[in-house]
Each structure stands twice: as C-alpha cells, then as structure tokens.
C-alpha cells in the first residue's frame, strides 16, 4: 500500500468516527433535554407551587394572629400591659 492510500483510509475512518461521535452526542443531548423537561422541570414546578402555597398560608396565619392579639389588647389594655411587664421582667432575669 502506498502512503497516500493509507493516509486517505485513516482520514476517512477518522471522519467517520467524528461523524458517529457527533450523532451519538446529539442523541444523548436530545435524551437529556427530554429527561429534564419531563422529570426535573415538572418537579420544580410542583415544588414552587407548594412553596408559594405555604408562604400564602403562613402569611394568612400571621395576619389572623395579629388581628387576634390587637383585638385582645383593645378589649383588655391593662391586662396586656401587665402581661408585657411580666414577660419583660422574666426575659430580663433570664438574660443575666
């Protein structure tokens, strides 16, 4: 065999290998994108929806509790002041 023929054979085989690797890579990329869109994106959407719902529920509970406390303070202001004083005294003693 001549050197030119060997060179052509090597070049053709290398081009075939590169082409095959590109095809395999594109197939793998396509499968990976499909996996991400079907499994990961769906899971993230569900988690985001649950987190948003949890935040809304927590905000609603906090608002309700704030209204309850302000209603009790308005109804019994002296009891509220006394209770705050006791809590402040105990907290002061515990931090020493």
C-alpha atoms as a PDB file:
ATOM      1  CA  UNK A   1       0.000   0.000   0.000  1.00  0.00           C
ATOM      2  CA  UNK A   2       1.135   3.465  -0.710  1.00  0.00           C
ATOM      3  CA  UNK A   3       1.427   6.207   1.860  1.00  0.00           C
ATOM      4  CA  UNK A   4      -1.285   8.248   0.135  1.00  0.00           C
ATOM      5  CA  UNK A   5      -3.748   5.364   0.271  1.00  0.00           C
ATOM      6  CA  UNK A   6      -3.039   4.766   3.963  1.00  0.00           C
ATOM      7  CA  UNK A   7      -3.426   8.482   4.610  1.00  0.00           C
ATOM      8  CA  UNK A   8      -6.821   8.514   2.821  1.00  0.00           C
ATOM      9  CA  UNK A   9      -8.018   5.423   4.712  1.00  0.00           C
ATOM     10  CA  UNK A  10      -7.015   6.938   8.054  1.00  0.00           C
ATOM     11  CA  UNK A  11      -8.653  10.242   7.130  1.00  0.00           C
ATOM     12  CA  UNK A  12     -11.903   8.536   6.049  1.00  0.00           C
ATOM     13  CA  UNK A  13     -12.040   6.424   9.204  1.00  0.00           C
ATOM     14  CA  UNK A  14     -11.337   9.459  11.390  1.00  0.00           C
ATOM     15  CA  UNK A  15     -14.087  11.451   9.655  1.00  0.00           C
ATOM     16  CA  UNK A  16     -16.464   8.511  10.136  1.00  0.00           C
ATOM     17  CA  UNK A  17     -15.584   8.284  13.816  1.00  0.00           C
ATOM     18  CA  UNK A  18     -16.103  12.031  14.289  1.00  0.00           C
ATOM     19  CA  UNK A  19     -19.430  11.878  12.490  1.00  0.00           C
ATOM     20  CA  UNK A  20     -20.534   8.909  14.582  1.00  0.00           C
ATOM     21  CA  UNK A  21     -19.460  10.669  17.790  1.00  0.00           C
ATOM     22  CA  UNK A  22     -21.397  13.795  16.776  1.00  0.00           C
ATOM     23  CA  UNK A  23     -24.512  11.708  16.090  1.00  0.00           C
ATOM     24  CA  UNK A  24     -24.177   9.909  19.420  1.00  0.00           C
ATOM     25  CA  UNK A  25     -23.674  13.212  21.226  1.00  0.00           C
ATOM     26  CA  UNK A  26     -26.752  14.755  19.600  1.00  0.00           C
ATOM     27  CA  UNK A  27     -28.841  11.700  20.536  1.00  0.00           C
ATOM     28  CA  UNK A  28     -27.594  11.884  24.118  1.00  0.00           C
ATOM     29  CA  UNK A  29     -28.273  15.622  24.281  1.00  0.00           C
ATOM     30  CA  UNK A  30     -31.790  15.070  22.973  1.00  0.00           C
ATOM     31  CA  UNK A  31     -32.467  12.362  25.574  1.00  0.00           C
ATOM     32  CA  UNK A  32     -31.082  14.574  28.342  1.00  0.00           C
ATOM     33  CA  UNK A  33     -33.262  17.519  27.314  1.00  0.00           C
ATOM     34  CA  UNK A  34     -36.308  15.239  27.221  1.00  0.00           C
ATOM     35  CA  UNK A  35     -35.469  13.907  30.698  1.00  0.00           C
ATOM     36  CA  UNK A  36     -35.060  17.426  32.091  1.00  0.00           C
ATOM     37  CA  UNK A  37     -38.302  18.662  30.603  1.00  0.00           C
ATOM     38  CA  UNK A  38     -40.379  15.697  31.749  1.00  0.00           C
ATOM     39  CA  UNK A  39     -38.969  14.936  35.187  1.00  0.00           C
ATOM     40  CA  UNK A  40     -36.938  17.800  36.590  1.00  0.00           C
ATOM     41  CA  UNK A  41     -38.986  20.751  35.321  1.00  0.00           C
ATOM     42  CA  UNK A  42     -42.237  19.141  36.473  1.00  0.00           C
ATOM     43  CA  UNK A  43     -40.798  18.508  39.926  1.00  0.00           C
ATOM     44  CA  UNK A  44     -39.534  22.064  40.206  1.00  0.00           C
ATOM     45  CA  UNK A  45     -42.898  23.465  39.144  1.00  0.00           C
ATOM     46  CA  UNK A  46     -44.656  21.354  41.777  1.00  0.00           C
ATOM     47  CA  UNK A  47     -42.181  22.405  44.476  1.00  0.00           C
ATOM     48  CA  UNK A  48     -42.548  26.070  43.563  1.00  0.00           C
ATOM     49  CA  UNK A  49     -46.340  25.824  43.681  1.00  0.00           C
ATOM     50  CA  UNK A  50     -46.214  24.150  47.111  1.00  0.00           C
ATOM     51  CA  UNK A  51     -43.766  26.740  48.430  1.00  0.00           C
ATOM     52  CA  UNK A  52     -45.964  29.576  47.187  1.00  0.00           C
ATOM     53  CA  UNK A  53     -48.998  27.983  48.829  1.00  0.00           C
ATOM     54  CA  UNK A  54     -47.088  27.516  52.106  1.00  0.00           C
ATOM     55  CA  UNK A  55     -46.000  31.150  52.122  1.00  0.00           C
ATOM     56  CA  UNK A  56     -49.576  32.297  51.481  1.00  0.00           C
ATOM     57  CA  UNK A  57     -50.856  30.076  54.301  1.00  0.00           C
ATOM     58  CA  UNK A  58     -48.180  31.340  56.700  1.00  0.00           C
ATOM     59  CA  UNK A  59     -48.990  34.946  55.830  1.00  0.00           C
ATOM     60  CA  UNK A  60     -52.699  34.282  56.420  1.00  0.00           C
ATOM     61  CA  UNK A  61     -51.995  32.689  59.818  1.00  0.00           C
ATOM     62  CA  UNK A  62     -49.727  35.588  60.820  1.00  0.00           C
ATOM     63  CA  UNK A  63     -52.365  38.141  59.812  1.00  0.00           C
ATOM     64  CA  UNK A  64     -55.056  36.276  61.732  1.00  0.00           C
ATOM     65  CA  UNK A  65     -52.897  36.062  64.854  1.00  0.00           C
ATOM     66  CA  UNK A  66     -52.002  39.752  64.627  1.00  0.00           C
ATOM     67  CA  UNK A  67     -55.701  40.643  64.438  1.00  0.00           C
ATOM     68  CA  UNK A  68     -56.447  38.380  67.405  1.00  0.00           C
ATOM     69  CA  UNK A  69     -53.732  39.985  69.531  1.00  0.00           C
ATOM     70  CA  UNK A  70     -54.766  43.526  68.637  1.00  0.00           C
ATOM     71  CA  UNK A  71     -58.408  42.696  69.425  1.00  0.00           C
ATOM     72  CA  UNK A  72     -57.427  41.323  72.844  1.00  0.00           C
ATOM     73  CA  UNK A  73     -55.211  44.335  73.567  1.00  0.00           C
ATOM     74  CA  UNK A  74     -58.042  46.718  72.721  1.00  0.00           C
ATOM     75  CA  UNK A  75     -60.522  44.774  74.877  1.00  0.00           C
ATOM     76  CA  UNK A  76     -58.207  44.459  77.922  1.00  0.00           C
ATOM     77  CA  UNK A  77     -55.423  47.064  77.771  1.00  0.00           C
ATOM     78  CA  UNK A  78     -54.422  46.857  81.457  1.00  0.00           C
ATOM     79  CA  UNK A  79     -54.054  43.079  81.295  1.00  0.00           C
ATOM     80  CA  UNK A  80     -51.929  43.468  78.157  1.00  0.00           C
ATOM     81  CA  UNK A  81     -49.634  45.978  79.849  1.00  0.00           C
ATOM     82  CA  UNK A  82     -49.293  43.773  82.935  1.00  0.00           C
ATOM     83  CA  UNK A  83     -48.563  40.701  80.841  1.00  0.00           C
ATOM     84  CA  UNK A  84     -45.928  42.589  78.842  1.00  0.00           C
ATOM     85  CA  UNK A  85     -44.294  43.778  82.051  1.00  0.00           C
ATOM     86  CA  UNK A  86     -44.144  40.248  83.463  1.00  0.00           C
ATOM     87  CA  UNK A  87     -42.707  38.847  80.240  1.00  0.00           C
ATOM     88  CA  UNK A  88     -40.139  41.663  80.122  1.00  0.00           C
ATOM     89  CA  UNK A  89     -39.143  41.059  83.744  1.00  0.00           C
ATOM     90  CA  UNK A  90     -38.717  37.296  83.210  1.00  0.00           C
ATOM     91  CA  UNK A  91     -36.783  37.797  79.970  1.00  0.00           C
ATOM     92  CA  UNK A  92     -34.518  40.311  81.720  1.00  0.00           C
ATOM     93  CA  UNK A  93     -33.815  37.883  84.542  1.00  0.00           C
ATOM     94  CA  UNK A  94     -33.064  35.019  82.151  1.00  0.00           C
ATOM     95  CA  UNK A  95     -30.545  37.043  80.149  1.00  0.00           C
ATOM     96  CA  UNK A  96     -28.373  37.975  83.156  1.00  0.00           C
END
